PDB file of N, CA and C in Angstrom:
ATOM      1  N   MET A   1      65.702  52.011  97.951  1.00  0.00           N
ATOM      2  CA  MET A   1      64.586  51.604  98.717  1.00  0.00           C
ATOM      3  C   MET A   1      65.266  50.863  99.719  1.00  0.00           C
ATOM      4  N   VAL A   2      64.905  50.779 101.031  1.00  0.00           N
ATOM      5  CA  VAL A   2      65.513  50.118 102.140  1.00  0.00           C
ATOM      6  C   VAL A   2      64.298  49.322 102.743  1.00  0.00           C
ATOM      7  N   VAL A   3      64.566  48.156 102.953  1.00  0.00           N
ATOM      8  CA  VAL A   3      63.650  47.171 103.639  1.00  0.00           C
ATOM      9  C   VAL A   3      64.218  46.384 104.903  1.00  0.00           C
ATOM     10  N   VAL A   4      63.407  46.104 105.813  1.00  0.00           N
ATOM     11  CA  VAL A   4      64.065  45.137 106.696  1.00  0.00           C
ATOM     12  C   VAL A   4      63.635  43.563 106.445  1.00  0.00           C
ATOM     13  N   ASN A   5      64.612  42.828 106.831  1.00  0.00           N
ATOM     14  CA  ASN A   5      64.526  41.506 106.670  1.00  0.00           C
ATOM     15  C   ASN A   5      64.278  40.642 107.887  1.00  0.00           C
ATOM     16  N   VAL A   6      63.127  40.209 107.998  1.00  0.00           N
ATOM     17  CA  VAL A   6      62.863  39.475 109.333  1.00  0.00           C
ATOM     18  C   VAL A   6      63.569  38.261 109.493  1.00  0.00           C
ATOM     19  N   ARG A   7      63.759  37.589 108.502  1.00  0.00           N
ATOM     20  CA  ARG A   7      64.588  36.204 108.785  1.00  0.00           C
ATOM     21  C   ARG A   7      65.978  36.267 108.797  1.00  0.00           C
ATOM     22  N   SER A   8      66.529  37.325 108.335  1.00  0.00           N
ATOM     23  CA  SER A   8      68.036  37.430 108.257  1.00  0.00           C
ATOM     24  C   SER A   8      68.294  38.570 109.205  1.00  0.00           C
ATOM     25  N   ASN A   9      67.450  39.342 109.956  1.00  0.00           N
ATOM     26  CA  ASN A   9      67.863  40.191 111.114  1.00  0.00           C
ATOM     27  C   ASN A   9      68.810  41.327 110.527  1.00  0.00           C
ATOM     28  N   ASP A  10      68.368  41.788 109.383  1.00  0.00           N
ATOM     29  CA  ASP A  10      69.310  43.019 108.723  1.00  0.00           C
ATOM     30  C   ASP A  10      68.304  43.722 107.759  1.00  0.00           C
ATOM     31  N   MET A  11      68.788  44.684 107.077  1.00  0.00           N
ATOM     32  CA  MET A  11      68.065  45.482 106.251  1.00  0.00           C
ATOM     33  C   MET A  11      68.897  45.458 104.811  1.00  0.00           C
ATOM     34  N   SER A  12      68.094  45.642 103.749  1.00  0.00           N
ATOM     35  CA  SER A  12      68.520  45.508 102.343  1.00  0.00           C
ATOM     36  C   SER A  12      68.383  46.988 101.686  1.00  0.00           C
ATOM     37  N   VAL A  13      69.402  47.271 100.896  1.00  0.00           N
ATOM     38  CA  VAL A  13      69.381  48.580 100.330  1.00  0.00           C
ATOM     39  C   VAL A  13      69.384  48.347  98.699  1.00  0.00           C
ATOM     40  N   LEU A  14      68.455  48.827  98.076  1.00  0.00           N
ATOM     41  CA  LEU A  14      68.275  48.922  96.727  1.00  0.00           C
ATOM     42  C   LEU A  14      68.370  50.098  96.100  1.00  0.00           C
ATOM     43  N   LEU A  15      69.465  50.271  95.385  1.00  0.00           N
ATOM     44  CA  LEU A  15      69.740  51.681  94.875  1.00  0.00           C
ATOM     45  C   LEU A  15      69.088  51.912  93.426  1.00  0.00           C
ATOM     46  N   GLY A  16      68.402  53.142  93.097  1.00  0.00           N
ATOM     47  CA  GLY A  16      67.948  53.337  92.035  1.00  0.00           C
ATOM     48  C   GLY A  16      69.027  53.327  90.706  1.00  0.00           C
ATOM     49  N   LYS A  17      68.733  52.876  89.673  1.00  0.00           N
ATOM     50  CA  LYS A  17      69.673  52.894  88.432  1.00  0.00           C
ATOM     51  C   LYS A  17      69.696  54.023  87.724  1.00  0.00           C
ATOM     52  N   GLY A  18      68.519  55.007  87.815  1.00  0.00           N
ATOM     53  CA  GLY A  18      68.228  56.232  87.112  1.00  0.00           C
ATOM     54  C   GLY A  18      67.449  55.960  86.052  1.00  0.00           C
ATOM     55  N   ASP A  19      67.085  54.658  85.736  1.00  0.00           N
ATOM     56  CA  ASP A  19      66.056  54.410  84.549  1.00  0.00           C
ATOM     57  C   ASP A  19      64.662  53.987  85.154  1.00  0.00           C
ATOM     58  N   GLY A  20      64.521  53.970  86.355  1.00  0.00           N
ATOM     59  CA  GLY A  20      63.272  53.609  86.967  1.00  0.00           C
ATOM     60  C   GLY A  20      63.257  51.943  87.672  1.00  0.00           C
ATOM     61  N   SER A  21      64.597  51.455  87.367  1.00  0.00           N
ATOM     62  CA  SER A  21      64.835  50.298  87.924  1.00  0.00           C
ATOM     63  C   SER A  21      65.657  50.182  89.223  1.00  0.00           C
ATOM     64  N   LEU A  22      65.722  49.092  89.923  1.00  0.00           N
ATOM     65  CA  LEU A  22      66.688  49.014  90.994  1.00  0.00           C
ATOM     66  C   LEU A  22      67.673  48.128  90.928  1.00  0.00           C
ATOM     67  N   ALA A  23      68.841  48.457  91.286  1.00  0.00           N
ATOM     68  CA  ALA A  23      70.128  47.345  91.611  1.00  0.00           C
ATOM     69  C   ALA A  23      69.751  46.442  92.605  1.00  0.00           C
ATOM     70  N   ASP A  24      70.543  45.518  92.437  1.00  0.00           N
ATOM     71  CA  ASP A  24      70.575  44.248  93.231  1.00  0.00           C
ATOM     72  C   ASP A  24      70.656  44.739  94.631  1.00  0.00           C
ATOM     73  N   ALA A  25      69.877  44.017  95.571  1.00  0.00           N
ATOM     74  CA  ALA A  25      69.884  44.411  96.964  1.00  0.00           C
ATOM     75  C   ALA A  25      71.377  44.172  97.602  1.00  0.00           C
ATOM     76  N   LYS A  26      71.641  45.199  98.462  1.00  0.00           N
ATOM     77  CA  LYS A  26      73.009  44.957  99.432  1.00  0.00           C
ATOM     78  C   LYS A  26      72.612  45.023 100.977  1.00  0.00           C
ATOM     79  N   SER A  27      73.001  43.786 101.504  1.00  0.00           N
ATOM     80  CA  SER A  27      72.458  43.885 102.786  1.00  0.00           C
ATOM     81  C   SER A  27      73.368  44.710 103.945  1.00  0.00           C
ATOM     82  N   SER A  28      72.665  45.208 104.712  1.00  0.00           N
ATOM     83  CA  SER A  28      73.323  45.948 105.779  1.00  0.00           C
ATOM     84  C   SER A  28      72.972  45.389 107.248  1.00  0.00           C
ATOM     85  N   GLY A  29      74.008  45.109 107.954  1.00  0.00           N
ATOM     86  CA  GLY A  29      73.786  44.450 109.438  1.00  0.00           C
ATOM     87  C   GLY A  29      73.293  45.365 110.322  1.00  0.00           C
ATOM     88  N   LEU A  30      72.335  45.000 111.252  1.00  0.00           N
ATOM     89  CA  LEU A  30      71.866  45.762 112.135  1.00  0.00           C
ATOM     90  C   LEU A  30      72.550  45.414 113.548  1.00  0.00           C
ATOM     91  N   GLY A  31      73.437  44.463 113.786  1.00  0.00           N
ATOM     92  CA  GLY A  31      74.106  44.193 114.774  1.00  0.00           C
ATOM     93  C   GLY A  31      73.380  43.577 115.969  1.00  0.00           C
ATOM     94  N   LEU A  32      72.208  43.002 115.588  1.00  0.00           N
ATOM     95  CA  LEU A  32      71.413  42.261 116.597  1.00  0.00           C
ATOM     96  C   LEU A  32      70.787  41.060 115.864  1.00  0.00           C
ATOM     97  N   THR A  33      70.554  40.136 116.903  1.00  0.00           N
ATOM     98  CA  THR A  33      69.997  38.751 116.348  1.00  0.00           C
ATOM     99  C   THR A  33      68.540  38.831 116.553  1.00  0.00           C
ATOM    100  N   SER A  34      67.785  39.720 116.769  1.00  0.00           N
ATOM    101  CA  SER A  34      66.304  39.987 116.686  1.00  0.00           C
ATOM    102  C   SER A  34      65.954  40.639 115.537  1.00  0.00           C
ATOM    103  N   ALA A  35      64.900  40.084 114.941  1.00  0.00           N
ATOM    104  CA  ALA A  35      64.276  40.696 113.804  1.00  0.00           C
ATOM    105  C   ALA A  35      63.692  42.266 113.833  1.00  0.00           C
ATOM    106  N   PRO A  36      64.178  42.926 112.984  1.00  0.00           N
ATOM    107  CA  PRO A  36      63.660  44.348 112.997  1.00  0.00           C
ATOM    108  C   PRO A  36      62.072  44.254 112.737  1.00  0.00           C
ATOM    109  N   THR A  37      61.222  45.109 113.391  1.00  0.00           N
ATOM    110  CA  THR A  37      59.858  45.066 113.076  1.00  0.00           C
ATOM    111  C   THR A  37      59.348  46.249 112.450  1.00  0.00           C
ATOM    112  N   SER A  38      60.224  47.425 112.295  1.00  0.00           N
ATOM    113  CA  SER A  38      59.726  48.567 111.591  1.00  0.00           C
ATOM    114  C   SER A  38      61.126  49.345 111.290  1.00  0.00           C
ATOM    115  N   LEU A  39      61.061  50.128 110.119  1.00  0.00           N
ATOM    116  CA  LEU A  39      61.977  50.978 109.727  1.00  0.00           C
ATOM    117  C   LEU A  39      61.654  52.197 109.271  1.00  0.00           C
ATOM    118  N   VAL A  40      62.513  53.459 109.472  1.00  0.00           N
ATOM    119  CA  VAL A  40      62.155  54.533 109.095  1.00  0.00           C
ATOM    120  C   VAL A  40      63.281  55.313 108.509  1.00  0.00           C
ATOM    121  N   LEU A  41      63.368  56.100 107.506  1.00  0.00           N
ATOM    122  CA  LEU A  41      64.655  56.758 107.019  1.00  0.00           C
ATOM    123  C   LEU A  41      64.420  58.267 107.262  1.00  0.00           C
ATOM    124  N   ALA A  42      65.503  58.873 107.547  1.00  0.00           N
ATOM    125  CA  ALA A  42      65.551  60.389 107.716  1.00  0.00           C
ATOM    126  C   ALA A  42      66.825  60.855 107.936  1.00  0.00           C
ATOM    127  N   ASP A  43      67.164  61.874 107.763  1.00  0.00           N
ATOM    128  CA  ASP A  43      68.594  62.499 107.729  1.00  0.00           C
ATOM    129  C   ASP A  43      68.622  63.226 109.234  1.00  0.00           C
ATOM    130  N   LEU A  44      68.983  62.231 110.017  1.00  0.00           N
ATOM    131  CA  LEU A  44      69.050  62.700 111.572  1.00  0.00           C
ATOM    132  C   LEU A  44      70.175  63.749 111.841  1.00  0.00           C
ATOM    133  N   ASN A  45      71.346  63.532 111.342  1.00  0.00           N
ATOM    134  CA  ASN A  45      72.377  64.390 111.417  1.00  0.00           C
ATOM    135  C   ASN A  45      72.659  65.452 110.437  1.00  0.00           C
ATOM    136  N   ARG A  46      71.647  65.529 109.507  1.00  0.00           N
ATOM    137  CA  ARG A  46      71.760  66.685 108.597  1.00  0.00           C
ATOM    138  C   ARG A  46      73.134  66.863 107.772  1.00  0.00           C
ATOM    139  N   ASP A  47      73.315  65.815 107.263  1.00  0.00           N
ATOM    140  CA  ASP A  47      74.612  65.554 106.374  1.00  0.00           C
ATOM    141  C   ASP A  47      74.162  65.337 104.964  1.00  0.00           C
ATOM    142  N   GLY A  48      72.913  65.352 104.686  1.00  0.00           N
ATOM    143  CA  GLY A  48      72.369  65.353 103.374  1.00  0.00           C
ATOM    144  C   GLY A  48      72.318  63.809 102.891  1.00  0.00           C
ATOM    145  N   ARG A  49      72.427  62.844 103.881  1.00  0.00           N
ATOM    146  CA  ARG A  49      72.396  61.373 103.555  1.00  0.00           C
ATOM    147  C   ARG A  49      71.229  60.944 104.520  1.00  0.00           C
ATOM    148  N   LEU A  50      70.578  59.933 104.175  1.00  0.00           N
ATOM    149  CA  LEU A  50      69.377  59.344 104.872  1.00  0.00           C
ATOM    150  C   LEU A  50      70.004  58.282 105.773  1.00  0.00           C
ATOM    151  N   ASP A  51      69.580  58.278 107.046  1.00  0.00           N
ATOM    152  CA  ASP A  51      69.958  57.396 108.028  1.00  0.00           C
ATOM    153  C   ASP A  51      68.924  56.508 108.321  1.00  0.00           C
ATOM    154  N   ALA A  52      69.005  55.264 108.845  1.00  0.00           N
ATOM    155  CA  ALA A  52      67.973  54.321 109.192  1.00  0.00           C
ATOM    156  C   ALA A  52      67.788  54.269 110.550  1.00  0.00           C
ATOM    157  N   VAL A  53      66.523  54.217 111.176  1.00  0.00           N
ATOM    158  CA  VAL A  53      66.173  53.770 112.382  1.00  0.00           C
ATOM    159  C   VAL A  53      65.342  52.535 112.235  1.00  0.00           C
ATOM    160  N   ALA A  54      65.738  51.651 112.965  1.00  0.00           N
ATOM    161  CA  ALA A  54      65.037  50.451 113.149  1.00  0.00           C
ATOM    162  C   ALA A  54      64.481  50.004 114.495  1.00  0.00           C
ATOM    163  N   ALA A  55      63.294  49.388 114.428  1.00  0.00           N
ATOM    164  CA  ALA A  55      62.827  49.074 115.861  1.00  0.00           C
ATOM    165  C   ALA A  55      62.865  47.351 115.940  1.00  0.00           C
ATOM    166  N   HIS A  56      63.332  46.871 117.025  1.00  0.00           N
ATOM    167  CA  HIS A  56      63.224  45.563 117.268  1.00  0.00           C
ATOM    168  C   HIS A  56      62.384  45.180 118.397  1.00  0.00           C
ATOM    169  N   GLY A  57      61.020  45.128 118.075  1.00  0.00           N
ATOM    170  CA  GLY A  57      60.186  45.080 119.159  1.00  0.00           C
ATOM    171  C   GLY A  57      60.404  43.893 120.277  1.00  0.00           C
ATOM    172  N   GLU A  58      60.748  42.851 119.805  1.00  0.00           N
ATOM    173  CA  GLU A  58      60.934  41.663 120.757  1.00  0.00           C
ATOM    174  C   GLU A  58      61.945  41.887 121.788  1.00  0.00           C
ATOM    175  N   ILE A  59      63.056  42.671 121.500  1.00  0.00           N
ATOM    176  CA  ILE A  59      63.969  42.816 122.424  1.00  0.00           C
ATOM    177  C   ILE A  59      64.142  44.405 122.865  1.00  0.00           C
ATOM    178  N   HIS A  60      63.157  45.009 122.646  1.00  0.00           N
ATOM    179  CA  HIS A  60      62.946  46.362 123.259  1.00  0.00           C
ATOM    180  C   HIS A  60      64.092  47.211 122.673  1.00  0.00           C
ATOM    181  N   THR A  61      64.596  47.151 121.553  1.00  0.00           N
ATOM    182  CA  THR A  61      65.835  48.002 121.257  1.00  0.00           C
ATOM    183  C   THR A  61      65.575  48.765 119.829  1.00  0.00           C
ATOM    184  N   LEU A  62      66.151  49.811 119.860  1.00  0.00           N
ATOM    185  CA  LEU A  62      66.195  50.814 118.564  1.00  0.00           C
ATOM    186  C   LEU A  62      67.524  50.752 118.197  1.00  0.00           C
ATOM    187  N   SER A  63      67.635  50.633 116.663  1.00  0.00           N
ATOM    188  CA  SER A  63      69.002  50.807 116.106  1.00  0.00           C
ATOM    189  C   SER A  63      68.922  51.966 115.169  1.00  0.00           C
ATOM    190  N   VAL A  64      70.150  52.780 115.155  1.00  0.00           N
ATOM    191  CA  VAL A  64      70.286  53.931 114.364  1.00  0.00           C
ATOM    192  C   VAL A  64      71.494  53.723 113.598  1.00  0.00           C
ATOM    193  N   SER A  65      71.494  53.622 112.184  1.00  0.00           N
ATOM    194  CA  SER A  65      72.590  53.503 111.351  1.00  0.00           C
ATOM    195  C   SER A  65      72.582  54.753 110.483  1.00  0.00           C
ATOM    196  N   TYR A  66      73.907  55.396 110.647  1.00  0.00           N
ATOM    197  CA  TYR A  66      73.812  56.701 109.703  1.00  0.00           C
ATOM    198  C   TYR A  66      74.399  55.980 108.264  1.00  0.00           C
ATOM    199  N   GLY A  67      73.870  56.914 107.415  1.00  0.00           N
ATOM    200  CA  GLY A  67      74.132  56.637 106.021  1.00  0.00           C
ATOM    201  C   GLY A  67      75.390  57.065 105.170  1.00  0.00           C
ATOM    202  N   ASN A  68      76.035  56.409 104.437  1.00  0.00           N
ATOM    203  CA  ASN A  68      77.171  56.785 103.855  1.00  0.00           C
ATOM    204  C   ASN A  68      76.832  57.275 102.336  1.00  0.00           C
ATOM    205  N   GLU A  69      77.777  58.088 101.762  1.00  0.00           N
ATOM    206  CA  GLU A  69      77.624  58.578 100.494  1.00  0.00           C
ATOM    207  C   GLU A  69      77.114  57.635  99.410  1.00  0.00           C
ATOM    208  N   ASP A  70      77.519  56.364  99.324  1.00  0.00           N
ATOM    209  CA  ASP A  70      77.310  55.283  98.431  1.00  0.00           C
ATOM    210  C   ASP A  70      76.058  54.616  98.674  1.00  0.00           C
ATOM    211  N   GLY A  71      75.160  55.106  99.516  1.00  0.00           N
ATOM    212  CA  GLY A  71      73.786  54.359  99.873  1.00  0.00           C
ATOM    213  C   GLY A  71      73.923  53.213 100.757  1.00  0.00           C
ATOM    214  N   THR A  72      75.175  53.038 101.377  1.00  0.00           N
ATOM    215  CA  THR A  72      75.125  51.942 102.365  1.00  0.00           C
ATOM    216  C   THR A  72      75.109  52.594 103.746  1.00  0.00           C
ATOM    217  N   PHE A  73      75.189  51.757 104.731  1.00  0.00           N
ATOM    218  CA  PHE A  73      75.084  52.402 106.093  1.00  0.00           C
ATOM    219  C   PHE A  73      76.158  52.005 107.009  1.00  0.00           C
ATOM    220  N   GLN A  74      76.510  52.915 108.053  1.00  0.00           N
ATOM    221  CA  GLN A  74      77.482  52.793 109.088  1.00  0.00           C
ATOM    222  C   GLN A  74      77.032  51.592 110.093  1.00  0.00           C
ATOM    223  N   PRO A  75      77.826  50.902 110.958  1.00  0.00           N
ATOM    224  CA  PRO A  75      77.359  50.023 111.754  1.00  0.00           C
ATOM    225  C   PRO A  75      76.563  50.806 112.892  1.00  0.00           C
ATOM    226  N   PRO A  76      75.396  50.290 113.346  1.00  0.00           N
ATOM    227  CA  PRO A  76      74.528  50.837 114.185  1.00  0.00           C
ATOM    228  C   PRO A  76      74.877  51.110 115.694  1.00  0.00           C
ATOM    229  N   TRP A  77      74.316  52.144 116.304  1.00  0.00           N
ATOM    230  CA  TRP A  77      74.294  52.108 117.753  1.00  0.00           C
ATOM    231  C   TRP A  77      73.007  51.720 118.056  1.00  0.00           C
ATOM    232  N   HIS A  78      72.826  51.358 119.211  1.00  0.00           N
ATOM    233  CA  HIS A  78      71.581  50.652 119.936  1.00  0.00           C
ATOM    234  C   HIS A  78      71.066  51.370 121.079  1.00  0.00           C
ATOM    235  N   LEU A  79      69.891  51.435 121.224  1.00  0.00           N
ATOM    236  CA  LEU A  79      69.259  52.054 122.596  1.00  0.00           C
ATOM    237  C   LEU A  79      68.166  51.102 123.216  1.00  0.00           C
ATOM    238  N   THR A  80      68.299  50.575 124.243  1.00  0.00           N
ATOM    239  CA  THR A  80      67.435  49.571 124.737  1.00  0.00           C
ATOM    240  C   THR A  80      66.252  50.225 125.595  1.00  0.00           C
ATOM    241  N   ILE A  81      65.134  49.965 125.577  1.00  0.00           N
ATOM    242  CA  ILE A  81      64.020  50.591 126.507  1.00  0.00           C
ATOM    243  C   ILE A  81      63.487  49.649 127.213  1.00  0.00           C
ATOM    244  N   ALA A  82      62.463  49.799 128.078  1.00  0.00           N
ATOM    245  CA  ALA A  82      61.821  48.993 128.864  1.00  0.00           C
ATOM    246  C   ALA A  82      60.802  48.215 128.244  1.00  0.00           C
ATOM    247  N   ASP A  83      60.032  48.651 127.189  1.00  0.00           N
ATOM    248  CA  ASP A  83      58.908  47.752 126.809  1.00  0.00           C
ATOM    249  C   ASP A  83      58.962  47.533 125.244  1.00  0.00           C
ATOM    250  N   PRO A  84      58.322  46.629 124.850  1.00  0.00           N
ATOM    251  CA  PRO A  84      58.423  46.329 123.387  1.00  0.00           C
ATOM    252  C   PRO A  84      57.863  47.340 122.456  1.00  0.00           C
ATOM    253  N   ILE A  85      58.410  47.701 121.462  1.00  0.00           N
ATOM    254  CA  ILE A  85      58.286  48.796 120.616  1.00  0.00           C
ATOM    255  C   ILE A  85      57.209  48.293 119.574  1.00  0.00           C
ATOM    256  N   ARG A  86      56.141  49.125 119.408  1.00  0.00           N
ATOM    257  CA  ARG A  86      54.959  48.719 118.464  1.00  0.00           C
ATOM    258  C   ARG A  86      54.983  49.632 117.288  1.00  0.00           C
ATOM    259  N   SER A  87      55.524  50.945 117.359  1.00  0.00           N
ATOM    260  CA  SER A  87      55.493  51.623 116.261  1.00  0.00           C
ATOM    261  C   SER A  87      56.603  52.688 116.266  1.00  0.00           C
ATOM    262  N   LEU A  88      57.008  53.390 115.066  1.00  0.00           N
ATOM    263  CA  LEU A  88      58.185  54.173 115.095  1.00  0.00           C
ATOM    264  C   LEU A  88      57.887  55.371 114.131  1.00  0.00           C
ATOM    265  N   ALA A  89      58.355  56.456 114.497  1.00  0.00           N
ATOM    266  CA  ALA A  89      58.283  57.676 113.662  1.00  0.00           C
ATOM    267  C   ALA A  89      59.615  58.686 113.881  1.00  0.00           C
ATOM    268  N   VAL A  90      59.758  59.588 113.080  1.00  0.00           N
ATOM    269  CA  VAL A  90      60.699  60.468 112.996  1.00  0.00           C
ATOM    270  C   VAL A  90      60.106  61.847 112.488  1.00  0.00           C
ATOM    271  N   ALA A  91      60.023  62.746 113.475  1.00  0.00           N
ATOM    272  CA  ALA A  91      59.675  64.222 113.097  1.00  0.00           C
ATOM    273  C   ALA A  91      60.292  65.189 114.005  1.00  0.00           C
ATOM    274  N   ASP A  92      60.182  66.469 113.771  1.00  0.00           N
ATOM    275  CA  ASP A  92      60.585  67.523 114.635  1.00  0.00           C
ATOM    276  C   ASP A  92      59.400  67.849 115.687  1.00  0.00           C
ATOM    277  N   VAL A  93      59.370  66.976 116.814  1.00  0.00           N
ATOM    278  CA  VAL A  93      58.207  66.964 117.737  1.00  0.00           C
ATOM    279  C   VAL A  93      58.180  68.436 118.556  1.00  0.00           C
ATOM    280  N   ASN A  94      59.304  68.866 118.991  1.00  0.00           N
ATOM    281  CA  ASN A  94      59.364  70.061 119.667  1.00  0.00           C
ATOM    282  C   ASN A  94      59.626  71.361 119.031  1.00  0.00           C
ATOM    283  N   GLY A  95      59.771  71.199 117.756  1.00  0.00           N
ATOM    284  CA  GLY A  95      59.985  72.469 116.921  1.00  0.00           C
ATOM    285  C   GLY A  95      61.363  73.272 117.087  1.00  0.00           C
ATOM    286  N   ASP A  96      62.433  72.532 117.438  1.00  0.00           N
ATOM    287  CA  ASP A  96      63.723  73.249 117.493  1.00  0.00           C
ATOM    288  C   ASP A  96      64.501  73.137 116.052  1.00  0.00           C
ATOM    289  N   GLY A  97      63.955  72.497 115.143  1.00  0.00           N
ATOM    290  CA  GLY A  97      64.681  72.173 114.022  1.00  0.00           C
ATOM    291  C   GLY A  97      65.481  70.912 113.847  1.00  0.00           C
ATOM    292  N   GLU A  98      65.485  70.130 114.899  1.00  0.00           N
ATOM    293  CA  GLU A  98      66.148  68.941 114.958  1.00  0.00           C
ATOM    294  C   GLU A  98      65.201  67.726 114.792  1.00  0.00           C
ATOM    295  N   LEU A  99      65.408  66.741 114.085  1.00  0.00           N
ATOM    296  CA  LEU A  99      64.685  65.400 114.084  1.00  0.00           C
ATOM    297  C   LEU A  99      64.552  64.750 115.462  1.00  0.00           C
ATOM    298  N   ASP A 100      63.409  64.323 115.856  1.00  0.00           N
ATOM    299  CA  ASP A 100      63.223  63.563 116.954  1.00  0.00           C
ATOM    300  C   ASP A 100      62.832  62.120 116.704  1.00  0.00           C
ATOM    301  N   ILE A 101      62.936  61.125 117.447  1.00  0.00           N
ATOM    302  CA  ILE A 101      62.617  59.778 117.331  1.00  0.00           C
ATOM    303  C   ILE A 101      61.517  59.559 118.319  1.00  0.00           C
ATOM    304  N   ALA A 102      60.274  59.176 117.721  1.00  0.00           N
ATOM    305  CA  ALA A 102      58.979  58.929 118.726  1.00  0.00           C
ATOM    306  C   ALA A 102      58.545  57.472 118.163  1.00  0.00           C
ATOM    307  N   MET A 103      58.303  56.797 119.373  1.00  0.00           N
ATOM    308  CA  MET A 103      57.800  55.460 119.357  1.00  0.00           C
ATOM    309  C   MET A 103      56.640  55.198 120.289  1.00  0.00           C
ATOM    310  N   THR A 104      56.029  54.365 120.056  1.00  0.00           N
ATOM    311  CA  THR A 104      54.935  53.654 120.941  1.00  0.00           C
ATOM    312  C   THR A 104      55.352  52.064 121.516  1.00  0.00           C
ATOM    313  N   THR A 105      54.946  52.161 122.494  1.00  0.00           N
ATOM    314  CA  THR A 105      55.324  50.757 123.216  1.00  0.00           C
ATOM    315  C   THR A 105      54.083  50.288 123.794  1.00  0.00           C
ATOM    316  N   ALA A 106      54.262  48.790 124.182  1.00  0.00           N
ATOM    317  CA  ALA A 106      53.065  48.116 124.783  1.00  0.00           C
ATOM    318  C   ALA A 106      53.684  47.360 126.036  1.00  0.00           C
ATOM    319  N   ASN A 107      52.874  47.240 126.982  1.00  0.00           N
ATOM    320  CA  ASN A 107      53.147  46.558 128.196  1.00  0.00           C
ATOM    321  C   ASN A 107      51.879  46.170 128.795  1.00  0.00           C
ATOM    322  N   SER A 108      51.840  44.779 129.132  1.00  0.00           N
ATOM    323  CA  SER A 108      50.745  44.199 129.606  1.00  0.00           C
ATOM    324  C   SER A 108      50.232  44.752 130.955  1.00  0.00           C
ATOM    325  N   VAL A 109      50.938  45.328 131.805  1.00  0.00           N
ATOM    326  CA  VAL A 109      50.786  45.701 132.897  1.00  0.00           C
ATOM    327  C   VAL A 109      50.177  47.387 132.842  1.00  0.00           C
ATOM    328  N   VAL A 110      50.823  48.253 132.265  1.00  0.00           N
ATOM    329  CA  VAL A 110      50.561  49.632 132.225  1.00  0.00           C
ATOM    330  C   VAL A 110      49.748  50.103 130.811  1.00  0.00           C
ATOM    331  N   GLY A 111      49.693  49.062 129.862  1.00  0.00           N
ATOM    332  CA  GLY A 111      49.279  49.372 128.670  1.00  0.00           C
ATOM    333  C   GLY A 111      50.208  50.139 127.625  1.00  0.00           C
ATOM    334  N   GLY A 112      49.948  51.041 126.782  1.00  0.00           N
ATOM    335  CA  GLY A 112      50.760  51.602 125.820  1.00  0.00           C
ATOM    336  C   GLY A 112      51.281  52.709 126.387  1.00  0.00           C
ATOM    337  N   ARG A 113      52.463  53.233 125.862  1.00  0.00           N
ATOM    338  CA  ARG A 113      53.246  54.511 126.274  1.00  0.00           C
ATOM    339  C   ARG A 113      53.690  55.116 124.974  1.00  0.00           C
ATOM    340  N   VAL A 114      53.953  56.397 125.053  1.00  0.00           N
ATOM    341  CA  VAL A 114      54.703  57.078 123.883  1.00  0.00           C
ATOM    342  C   VAL A 114      56.143  57.553 124.507  1.00  0.00           C
ATOM    343  N   HIS A 115      56.959  57.208 123.764  1.00  0.00           N
ATOM    344  CA  HIS A 115      58.367  57.751 124.127  1.00  0.00           C
ATOM    345  C   HIS A 115      59.016  58.577 122.996  1.00  0.00           C
ATOM    346  N   VAL A 116      59.647  59.567 123.339  1.00  0.00           N
ATOM    347  CA  VAL A 116      60.161  60.679 122.462  1.00  0.00           C
ATOM    348  C   VAL A 116      61.633  60.890 122.822  1.00  0.00           C
ATOM    349  N   PHE A 117      62.547  60.765 121.923  1.00  0.00           N
ATOM    350  CA  PHE A 117      64.069  61.015 122.174  1.00  0.00           C
ATOM    351  C   PHE A 117      64.358  62.111 121.252  1.00  0.00           C
ATOM    352  N   LEU A 118      64.597  63.335 121.941  1.00  0.00           N
ATOM    353  CA  LEU A 118      64.829  64.571 121.386  1.00  0.00           C
ATOM    354  C   LEU A 118      66.260  64.440 120.655  1.00  0.00           C
ATOM    355  N   GLY A 119      66.238  64.891 119.408  1.00  0.00           N
ATOM    356  CA  GLY A 119      67.385  65.038 118.484  1.00  0.00           C
ATOM    357  C   GLY A 119      68.307  66.086 118.997  1.00  0.00           C
ATOM    358  N   THR A 120      69.556  66.087 118.707  1.00  0.00           N
ATOM    359  CA  THR A 120      70.317  67.168 118.856  1.00  0.00           C
ATOM    360  C   THR A 120      71.166  67.513 117.773  1.00  0.00           C
ATOM    361  N   SER A 121      71.942  68.510 117.640  1.00  0.00           N
ATOM    362  CA  SER A 121      72.598  69.122 116.517  1.00  0.00           C
ATOM    363  C   SER A 121      73.681  67.980 115.967  1.00  0.00           C
ATOM    364  N   CYS A 122      74.189  67.026 116.526  1.00  0.00           N
ATOM    365  CA  CYS A 122      75.043  66.022 116.215  1.00  0.00           C
ATOM    366  C   CYS A 122      74.251  64.836 115.663  1.00  0.00           C
ATOM    367  N   GLY A 123      73.080  64.766 115.798  1.00  0.00           N
ATOM    368  CA  GLY A 123      72.280  63.639 115.271  1.00  0.00           C
ATOM    369  C   GLY A 123      72.134  62.367 116.367  1.00  0.00           C
ATOM    370  N   LYS A 124      72.339  62.862 117.494  1.00  0.00           N
ATOM    371  CA  LYS A 124      72.269  61.910 118.702  1.00  0.00           C
ATOM    372  C   LYS A 124      71.272  62.085 119.517  1.00  0.00           C
TER     373      LYS A 124
END
């Protein structure tokens, strides 16, 4: 299980023990001082490990952390966009077999927008 931590601006990974219980949480930094507002897990780079995509709505930034074999995550890379992020999803939007990142944003002048970032074979 992976959850975002608003107060500590990171995410916690709780690995399954195989008996229905979870191990103690291990924190994984997101490299930003703004609290994440949502989180999606998906295998973006098709390496068999889940990667974390976190939205930081207040600073208009998306964090992508690739998963390691032990259930931890690599340091994230960031993408900043013009408007606050409101919701986040990962799916193959254009049917090319690659996962894409979709998000909605809100802006007081133009209202809401949908942004889609098309995935590539390298997961970026």
